[in-house]
């Protein structure tokens, strides 16, 4: 799903503008890589459907969690409080595995790579969209892997992991990704 340069530039430009506020207040700059990944996370909420039972009621927010060390800095701040699919968004940072039951989108940080098989086993049947930039994440059973390539970010989506979590991924998002079936690493275009 390597983004065409014009789309990549547009995404980076928009997200950079959003992230300039923190820098103007003297906060540390946001890396372009994680600003782009934050934009992807937010947009995943638009292209994934959760089962009704994933939410307590109609007012339950979509909860974005970062498991482990937070590589985003302030890049996720613009997501907080936004509305997606009629629900407000909440950000929870540096959560621990036992706190994941309330997460709808869970970014698994590279700091958790050593514990990844256990984490994926723990969240296997929850209604969580698991996302990571750990190499081979989707092949190991995560739902969406963010693969950094020379000219952008490619997506790998594990359909069986999405089905297990009760998630429906939009065909528009699937068209942009390499499809992974199962935990065997078998890829399709």
Protein backbone atom coordinates (compact mmCIF):
# COMPACT_ATOMS: atom_id res chain seq x y z
CA UNK A 1 0.00 0.00 0.00
CA UNK A 2 2.82 2.37 -0.55
CA UNK A 3 1.17 5.74 -0.72
CA UNK A 4 1.73 7.80 -3.83
CA UNK A 5 3.97 10.80 -3.10
CA UNK A 6 1.14 13.33 -3.44
CA UNK A 7 -1.06 11.48 -0.93
CA UNK A 8 1.84 11.00 1.46
CA UNK A 9 2.79 14.67 1.26
CA UNK A 10 -0.82 15.70 1.89
CA UNK A 11 -1.18 13.40 4.91
CA UNK A 12 2.12 14.56 6.38
CA UNK A 13 1.32 18.21 5.68
CA UNK A 14 -2.09 18.08 7.35
CA UNK A 15 -0.86 16.13 10.36
CA UNK A 16 2.23 18.36 10.67
CA UNK A 17 0.00 21.42 10.79
CA UNK A 18 -2.06 19.78 13.50
CA UNK A 19 1.09 18.91 15.45
CA UNK A 20 2.70 22.37 15.19
CA UNK A 21 0.70 23.62 18.17
CA UNK A 22 2.66 21.57 20.71
CA UNK A 23 5.98 22.73 19.25
CA UNK A 24 4.83 26.36 19.43
CA UNK A 25 4.19 25.82 23.15
CA UNK A 26 7.77 24.64 23.63
CA UNK A 27 6.97 20.93 23.77
CA UNK A 28 9.29 18.46 22.02
CA UNK A 29 8.78 18.11 18.26
CA UNK A 30 6.75 15.22 16.92
CA UNK A 31 8.58 12.83 14.60
CA UNK A 32 7.14 12.77 11.10
CA UNK A 33 7.01 8.98 11.21
CA UNK A 34 4.81 8.89 14.31
CA UNK A 35 2.73 11.87 13.18
CA UNK A 36 1.90 9.84 10.08
CA UNK A 37 1.22 6.71 12.15
CA UNK A 38 -1.08 8.72 14.45
CA UNK A 39 -3.00 9.87 11.37
CA UNK A 40 -3.33 6.25 10.28
CA UNK A 41 -4.65 5.21 13.72
CA UNK A 42 -7.28 7.93 13.66
CA UNK A 43 -8.34 6.99 10.15
CA UNK A 44 -8.53 3.29 11.01
CA UNK A 45 -11.40 4.22 13.34
CA UNK A 46 -13.28 5.47 10.27
CA UNK A 47 -12.72 2.29 8.25
CA UNK A 48 -13.26 -0.41 10.87
CA UNK A 49 -16.58 -1.42 12.42
CA UNK A 50 -16.81 -2.92 15.89
CA UNK A 51 -19.65 -5.16 17.04
CA UNK A 52 -22.24 -3.42 19.23
CA UNK A 53 -21.14 -5.45 22.24
CA UNK A 54 -17.70 -3.77 22.08
CA UNK A 55 -19.34 -0.67 23.60
CA UNK A 56 -21.34 -0.37 26.82
CA UNK A 57 -23.85 1.96 25.16
CA UNK A 58 -24.25 4.59 22.43
CA UNK A 59 -22.23 7.16 24.39
CA UNK A 60 -19.21 4.93 25.03
CA UNK A 61 -16.15 6.56 23.43
CA UNK A 62 -13.69 4.88 21.08
CA UNK A 63 -10.64 4.29 23.26
CA UNK A 64 -7.20 4.50 21.64
CA UNK A 65 -4.52 2.85 23.78
CA UNK A 66 -0.76 2.73 23.53
CA UNK A 67 0.59 -0.45 25.12
CA UNK A 68 4.10 0.04 26.47
CA UNK A 69 6.37 3.03 25.89
CA UNK A 70 4.63 5.81 23.99
CA UNK A 71 6.55 6.61 20.77
CA UNK A 72 4.00 9.21 19.63
CA UNK A 73 4.91 12.14 21.85
CA UNK A 74 2.24 14.74 21.18
CA UNK A 75 1.26 13.28 17.78
CA UNK A 76 -1.86 11.57 19.20
CA UNK A 77 -3.04 14.68 21.06
CA UNK A 78 -5.12 15.98 18.09
CA UNK A 79 -7.09 12.71 18.12
CA UNK A 80 -8.35 13.25 21.68
CA UNK A 81 -11.96 14.38 21.83
CA UNK A 82 -12.59 14.09 18.09
CA UNK A 83 -15.77 12.37 16.93
CA UNK A 84 -15.67 9.22 14.80
CA UNK A 85 -18.77 7.22 13.88
CA UNK A 86 -20.76 9.35 16.35
CA UNK A 87 -18.42 8.57 19.25
CA UNK A 88 -15.89 10.78 21.01
CA UNK A 89 -12.31 9.55 21.16
CA UNK A 90 -10.20 9.00 24.25
CA UNK A 91 -6.44 8.42 24.40
CA UNK A 92 -4.85 6.20 27.07
CA UNK A 93 -1.05 6.08 27.06
CA UNK A 94 1.43 3.55 28.41
CA UNK A 95 -1.25 1.05 29.38
CA UNK A 96 -0.35 -2.37 30.69
CA UNK A 97 -1.69 -5.65 29.24
CA UNK A 98 -4.22 -6.11 32.05
CA UNK A 99 -5.74 -2.70 31.18
CA UNK A 100 -6.53 -3.57 27.55
CA UNK A 101 -10.10 -4.78 28.05
CA UNK A 102 -11.47 -1.27 27.48
CA UNK A 103 -9.35 -0.47 24.40
CA UNK A 104 -10.89 -0.37 20.94
CA UNK A 105 -7.71 0.52 19.06
CA UNK A 106 -4.54 -0.75 20.69
CA UNK A 107 -1.15 0.31 19.36
CA UNK A 108 1.47 -2.16 20.61
CA UNK A 109 4.75 -0.31 21.05
CA UNK A 110 8.09 -1.76 20.00
CA UNK A 111 9.00 -1.82 23.70
CA UNK A 112 6.60 -4.79 23.99
CA UNK A 113 8.11 -6.83 21.15
CA UNK A 114 9.58 -9.40 23.54
CA UNK A 115 6.12 -10.00 25.05
CA UNK A 116 4.20 -9.86 21.77
CA UNK A 117 3.09 -13.53 21.54
CA UNK A 118 1.60 -13.37 25.05
CA UNK A 119 -0.05 -10.01 24.41
CA UNK A 120 -1.64 -11.20 21.17
CA UNK A 121 -2.85 -14.36 22.88
CA UNK A 122 -4.38 -12.27 25.67
CA UNK A 123 -6.28 -9.94 23.30
CA UNK A 124 -7.02 -12.64 20.72
CA UNK A 125 -10.79 -12.76 21.26
CA UNK A 126 -11.38 -9.19 22.43
CA UNK A 127 -13.00 -6.62 20.20
CA UNK A 128 -9.77 -4.65 19.84
CA UNK A 129 -8.13 -3.44 16.67
CA UNK A 130 -4.49 -4.26 17.37
CA UNK A 131 -1.94 -2.21 15.45
CA UNK A 132 1.86 -2.13 15.62
CA UNK A 133 5.00 -1.26 13.76
CA UNK A 134 6.80 -4.29 15.18
CA UNK A 135 8.16 -6.32 12.26
CA UNK A 136 5.88 -9.21 11.31
CA UNK A 137 3.05 -8.03 13.59
CA UNK A 138 0.17 -9.09 11.33
CA UNK A 139 1.87 -12.41 10.58
CA UNK A 140 2.05 -13.08 14.32
CA UNK A 141 -1.69 -12.51 14.74
CA UNK A 142 -2.08 -8.73 15.11
CA UNK A 143 -4.78 -7.10 13.00
CA UNK A 144 -2.83 -4.29 11.29
CA UNK A 145 0.91 -4.05 10.80
CA UNK A 146 2.44 -0.70 9.89
CA UNK A 147 5.51 -1.41 7.77
CA UNK A 148 7.88 1.52 7.25
CA UNK A 149 9.28 1.50 3.73
CA UNK A 150 11.56 3.88 1.88
CA UNK A 151 8.76 6.02 0.49
CA UNK A 152 6.11 5.73 3.19
CA UNK A 153 4.19 3.19 5.20
CA UNK A 154 2.69 -0.05 3.94
CA UNK A 155 -0.21 -1.77 5.65
CA UNK A 156 -0.55 -5.48 6.35
CA UNK A 157 -3.98 -6.64 7.51
CA UNK A 158 -4.60 -10.05 9.04
CA UNK A 159 -8.20 -10.87 8.12
CA UNK A 160 -8.46 -13.86 10.43
CA UNK A 161 -7.32 -11.76 13.39
CA UNK A 162 -9.90 -9.10 12.46
CA UNK A 163 -12.64 -11.75 12.19
CA UNK A 164 -11.64 -13.27 15.53
CA UNK A 165 -11.98 -9.83 17.13
CA UNK A 166 -15.39 -9.36 15.52
CA UNK A 167 -14.14 -6.42 13.44
CA UNK A 168 -15.24 -5.55 9.93
CA UNK A 169 -12.56 -3.82 7.87
CA UNK A 170 -13.78 -1.62 5.02
CA UNK A 171 -12.97 -2.81 1.53
CA UNK A 172 -11.54 0.66 0.89
CA UNK A 173 -8.90 0.03 3.55
CA UNK A 174 -8.31 -3.54 2.38
CA UNK A 175 -7.52 -2.30 -1.13
CA UNK A 176 -4.56 -0.38 0.30
CA UNK A 177 -3.06 -3.32 2.18
CA UNK A 178 -1.26 -6.61 1.81
CA UNK A 179 -3.65 -9.22 3.13
CA UNK A 180 -2.36 -11.75 5.65
CA UNK A 181 -4.40 -14.89 6.25
CA UNK A 182 -3.88 -16.59 9.58
CA UNK A 183 -0.75 -16.52 11.66
CA UNK A 184 1.41 -18.29 9.09
CA UNK A 185 2.72 -15.28 7.22
CA UNK A 186 1.05 -16.17 3.94
CA UNK A 187 0.59 -12.85 2.07
CA UNK A 188 -1.75 -11.88 -0.76
CA UNK A 189 -1.93 -8.70 -2.80
